[in-house]
C-alpha atoms as a PDB file:
ATOM      1  CA  MET A   1      -0.173  -0.075  -0.139  1.00  0.00           C
ATOM      2  CA  LEU A   2       2.940   2.410   0.602  1.00  0.00           C
ATOM      3  CA  GLU A   3       4.856   1.876  -2.616  1.00  0.00           C
ATOM      4  CA  ASN A   4       1.030   2.244  -4.368  1.00  0.00           C
ATOM      5  CA  SER A   5       0.797   5.649  -2.359  1.00  0.00           C
ATOM      6  CA  LEU A   6       4.388   6.756  -3.109  1.00  0.00           C
ATOM      7  CA  SER A   7       3.789   5.535  -6.733  1.00  0.00           C
ATOM      8  CA  GLN A   8       0.923   7.774  -7.278  1.00  0.00           C
ATOM      9  CA  LEU A   9       2.666  10.830  -5.458  1.00  0.00           C
ATOM     10  CA  GLU A  10       5.414  10.777  -7.915  1.00  0.00           C
ATOM     11  CA  GLY A  11       3.409  10.513 -10.593  1.00  0.00           C
ATOM     12  CA  LEU A  12       1.285  13.715  -9.282  1.00  0.00           C
ATOM     13  CA  VAL A  13       4.502  15.275  -8.851  1.00  0.00           C
ATOM     14  CA  ARG A  14       5.938  14.508 -12.189  1.00  0.00           C
ATOM     15  CA  THR A  15       2.400  16.183 -13.825  1.00  0.00           C
ATOM     16  CA  LEU A  16       2.688  18.775 -11.391  1.00  0.00           C
ATOM     17  CA  VAL A  17       6.398  19.610 -12.554  1.00  0.00           C
ATOM     18  CA  GLU A  18       5.362  19.595 -16.244  1.00  0.00           C
ATOM     19  CA  GLU A  19       2.295  21.997 -15.696  1.00  0.00           C
ATOM     20  CA  ASN A  20       4.556  24.449 -14.037  1.00  0.00           C
ATOM     21  CA  ARG A  21       7.298  24.443 -16.881  1.00  0.00           C
ATOM     22  CA  VAL A  22       4.326  24.779 -19.352  1.00  0.00           C
ATOM     23  CA  LEU A  23       2.779  27.465 -17.564  1.00  0.00           C
ATOM     24  CA  LEU A  24       6.654  29.092 -16.996  1.00  0.00           C
ATOM     25  CA  SER A  25       7.245  28.955 -20.583  1.00  0.00           C
ATOM     26  CA  ALA A  26       3.403  30.693 -21.391  1.00  0.00           C
ATOM     27  CA  ASN A  27       4.632  33.262 -18.420  1.00  0.00           C
ATOM     28  CA  ALA A  28       7.623  34.092 -20.579  1.00  0.00           C
ATOM     29  CA  GLN A  29       5.906  34.420 -23.836  1.00  0.00           C
ATOM     30  CA  LEU A  30       3.197  36.601 -22.213  1.00  0.00           C
ATOM     31  CA  ALA A  31       5.798  38.846 -20.676  1.00  0.00           C
ATOM     32  CA  THR A  32       7.693  39.286 -23.957  1.00  0.00           C
ATOM     33  CA  GLU A  33       4.061  40.191 -25.824  1.00  0.00           C
ATOM     34  CA  LEU A  34       3.315  42.733 -23.185  1.00  0.00           C
ATOM     35  CA  ALA A  35       6.954  44.214 -23.407  1.00  0.00           C
ATOM     36  CA  SER A  36       6.369  44.405 -27.242  1.00  0.00           C
ATOM     37  CA  PHE A  37       2.685  45.978 -26.391  1.00  0.00           C
ATOM     38  CA  LYS A  38       4.191  48.674 -23.980  1.00  0.00           C
ATOM     39  CA  GLU A  39       6.616  49.773 -26.437  1.00  0.00           C
ATOM     40  CA  GLU A  40       4.144  50.026 -29.207  1.00  0.00           C
ATOM     41  CA  ASN A  41       1.574  51.548 -27.009  1.00  0.00           C
ATOM     42  CA  GLU A  42       4.351  54.114 -25.954  1.00  0.00           C
ATOM     43  CA  THR A  43       5.284  54.903 -29.945  1.00  0.00           C
ATOM     44  CA  LEU A  44       1.861  55.495 -30.459  1.00  0.00           C
ATOM     45  CA  GLN A  45       1.274  57.689 -28.014  1.00  0.00           C
ATOM     46  CA  LEU A  46       4.413  59.810 -28.988  1.00  0.00           C
ATOM     47  CA  SER A  47       2.840  60.084 -32.247  1.00  0.00           C
ATOM     48  CA  ALA A  48      -0.379  61.215 -31.150  1.00  0.00           C
ATOM     49  CA  LEU A  49       1.320  63.673 -29.278  1.00  0.00           C
ATOM     50  CA  GLU A  50       3.394  64.785 -32.142  1.00  0.00           C
ATOM     51  CA  GLN A  51       0.283  64.917 -34.088  1.00  0.00           C
ATOM     52  CA  ASP A  52      -1.457  67.067 -31.651  1.00  0.00           C
ATOM     53  CA  ASP A  53       1.350  69.755 -31.887  1.00  0.00           C
ATOM     54  CA  GLN A  54       1.187  69.578 -35.434  1.00  0.00           C
ATOM     55  CA  GLN A  55      -2.516  70.570 -35.477  1.00  0.00           C
ATOM     56  CA  SER A  56      -2.138  73.035 -32.972  1.00  0.00           C
ATOM     57  CA  ALA A  57       0.409  74.687 -35.064  1.00  0.00           C
ATOM     58  CA  THR A  58      -1.831  74.212 -38.018  1.00  0.00           C
ATOM     59  CA  LEU A  59      -5.042  75.724 -36.124  1.00  0.00           C
ATOM     60  CA  ALA A  60      -2.505  78.698 -35.136  1.00  0.00           C
ATOM     61  CA  ARG A  61      -1.467  79.392 -38.707  1.00  0.00           C
ATOM     62  CA  ILE A  62      -5.024  79.261 -40.177  1.00  0.00           C
ATOM     63  CA  GLN A  63      -6.376  81.316 -37.385  1.00  0.00           C
ATOM     64  CA  ALA A  64      -3.734  83.976 -38.124  1.00  0.00           C
ATOM     65  CA  LEU A  65      -4.693  83.693 -41.689  1.00  0.00           C
ATOM     66  CA  VAL A  66      -8.024  84.311 -41.175  1.00  0.00           C
ATOM     67  CA  ALA A  67      -7.609  87.370 -38.755  1.00  0.00           C
ATOM     68  CA  LEU A  68      -5.229  88.809 -41.646  1.00  0.00           C
ATOM     69  CA  ALA A  69      -7.765  88.174 -44.235  1.00  0.00           C
ATOM     70  CA  SER A  70     -10.405  89.926 -42.014  1.00  0.00           C
ATOM     71  CA  GLY A  71      -7.926  92.938 -41.289  1.00  0.00           C
ATOM     72  CA  GLU A  72      -7.587  93.530 -44.849  1.00  0.00           C
ATOM     73  CA  ASN A  73     -11.119  93.160 -45.855  1.00  0.00           C
ATOM     74  CA  SER A  74     -12.342  95.869 -43.107  1.00  0.00           C
ATOM     75  CA  ARG A  75      -9.719  97.797 -44.529  1.00  0.00           C
ATOM     76  CA  SER A  76     -10.404  97.656 -48.189  1.00  0.00           C
ATOM     77  CA  PRO A  77     -12.343 100.153 -50.072  1.00  0.00           C
ATOM     78  CA  ILE A  78     -15.187  97.704 -50.641  1.00  0.00           C
ATOM     79  CA  SER A  79     -16.043  96.832 -47.464  1.00  0.00           C
ATOM     80  CA  SER A  80     -16.404 100.733 -46.399  1.00  0.00           C
END
C-alpha cells in the first residue's frame, strides 16, 4: 500500500512539474508580448502627441491667416 501511494505521489509530482514548466514558458511568452505591446503603445502615444502639436500649429496658422484676411477686408474700400 505504501509503495502504491508513493507511486501515485511520484506521478502527481511529475504532472505538477510538467504543468509548471508549461506555465513558466507561457508566462515568459506573455511577458515578451507585454513588453512589445508597451513599446508599441509608447510609440503610438508619442505619435499622437506629435500630431496634436502639428494640429495646434496648423490651427494657429489658419487663425492668423483668417485674422489677416479679416483685417485686410475691413480696410479695403469695398467694405467701406
